[in-house]
Amino acid sequence: MIIQIRLTPDVESGLATLARMKGLPLDEYIRRLFESLAIQKVPEPSDTTPTQRAKKIRHWAEQFPYRRWTSLRDDAISRESIYDRAGNE
């Protein structure tokens, strides 16, 4: 297949520089760029609902060996507590 593409002089110059760095003619370099894009795996759309994805994330998080079983007190994570600790260090 033959495709014609109009490039701005700046883009052409940049691509030519990259091609020289690879030791390739410009047309070969661009062909390889397109081939590498075509080979990349395209992600398939997800069939899961947001609720199902959230359930999977919760399940994933539960697999960690360290989990905090009790919630932190509100005063332990308050703005004042955080700034007070930062100032005392």
Protein backbone atom coordinates (compact mmCIF):
# COMPACT_ATOMS: atom_id res chain seq x y z
CA MET A 1 0.00 0.00 0.00
CA ILE A 2 1.24 3.47 -0.77
CA ILE A 3 0.15 6.40 1.38
CA GLN A 4 1.02 10.04 0.86
CA ILE A 5 1.35 12.20 3.96
CA ARG A 6 1.97 15.95 4.01
CA LEU A 7 4.37 16.87 6.79
CA THR A 8 5.38 20.31 7.97
CA PRO A 9 9.07 21.07 7.40
CA ASP A 10 9.70 20.92 11.16
CA VAL A 11 8.14 17.47 11.48
CA GLU A 12 9.96 16.18 8.43
CA SER A 13 13.25 17.52 9.76
CA GLY A 14 12.67 15.92 13.16
CA LEU A 15 11.79 12.57 11.62
CA ALA A 16 14.81 12.76 9.32
CA THR A 17 17.05 13.39 12.32
CA LEU A 18 15.60 10.40 14.16
CA ALA A 19 15.99 8.23 11.06
CA ARG A 20 19.67 9.24 10.73
CA MET A 21 20.23 8.40 14.39
CA LYS A 22 18.89 4.89 13.67
CA GLY A 23 20.92 4.64 10.47
CA LEU A 24 17.80 4.30 8.33
CA PRO A 25 16.44 6.13 5.31
CA LEU A 26 13.48 8.35 6.21
CA ASP A 27 10.87 6.22 4.40
CA GLU A 28 12.09 3.03 6.11
CA TYR A 29 12.05 4.72 9.52
CA ILE A 30 8.47 5.95 9.03
CA ARG A 31 7.37 2.52 7.74
CA ARG A 32 8.76 0.90 10.88
CA LEU A 33 6.99 3.47 13.07
CA PHE A 34 3.67 2.62 11.47
CA GLU A 35 4.35 -1.11 11.76
CA SER A 36 5.13 -0.79 15.46
CA LEU A 37 1.86 1.10 15.99
CA ALA A 38 -0.13 -1.52 14.10
CA ILE A 39 1.39 -4.39 16.09
CA GLN A 40 0.51 -2.94 19.50
CA LYS A 41 -2.35 -4.73 21.19
CA VAL A 42 -5.54 -2.70 21.21
CA PRO A 43 -7.33 -3.05 24.55
CA GLU A 44 -10.71 -4.67 24.28
CA PRO A 45 -13.68 -2.89 25.84
CA SER A 46 -14.51 -4.11 29.31
CA ASP A 47 -17.67 -6.12 29.79
CA THR A 48 -17.72 -5.46 33.53
CA THR A 49 -19.92 -2.90 35.20
CA PRO A 50 -18.52 -0.23 37.53
CA THR A 51 -19.91 -2.21 40.48
CA GLN A 52 -18.11 -5.36 39.34
CA ARG A 53 -14.85 -3.43 38.87
CA ALA A 54 -15.17 -1.94 42.36
CA LYS A 55 -15.73 -5.42 43.80
CA LYS A 56 -12.59 -6.68 42.02
CA ILE A 57 -10.54 -3.77 43.38
CA ARG A 58 -11.77 -4.43 46.92
CA HIS A 59 -10.91 -8.11 46.54
CA TRP A 60 -7.46 -7.18 45.23
CA ALA A 61 -6.86 -4.83 48.17
CA GLU A 62 -7.85 -7.53 50.65
CA GLN A 63 -4.99 -9.73 49.41
CA PHE A 64 -2.29 -7.51 50.97
CA PRO A 65 -0.68 -9.06 54.05
CA TYR A 66 -0.87 -5.87 56.12
CA ARG A 67 -4.31 -4.40 56.61
CA ARG A 68 -5.50 -1.96 59.20
CA TRP A 69 -8.51 -3.55 60.88
CA THR A 70 -9.51 -0.46 62.84
CA SER A 71 -10.17 2.98 61.45
CA LEU A 72 -7.96 5.89 62.40
CA ARG A 73 -9.47 8.36 64.84
CA ASP A 74 -10.57 11.64 63.27
CA ASP A 75 -8.09 13.61 65.37
CA ALA A 76 -5.23 11.37 64.13
CA ILE A 77 -5.72 12.56 60.58
CA SER A 78 -7.00 16.08 61.18
CA ARG A 79 -5.34 19.04 59.49
CA GLU A 80 -4.23 20.41 62.85
CA SER A 81 -2.66 17.11 63.83
CA ILE A 82 -0.77 16.83 60.55
CA TYR A 83 0.58 20.39 60.68
CA ASP A 84 1.41 20.09 64.36
CA ARG A 85 3.51 16.95 63.71
CA ALA A 86 5.24 18.57 60.73
CA GLY A 87 6.24 21.58 62.86
CA ASN A 88 7.64 19.44 65.68
CA GLU A 89 9.99 17.38 63.55
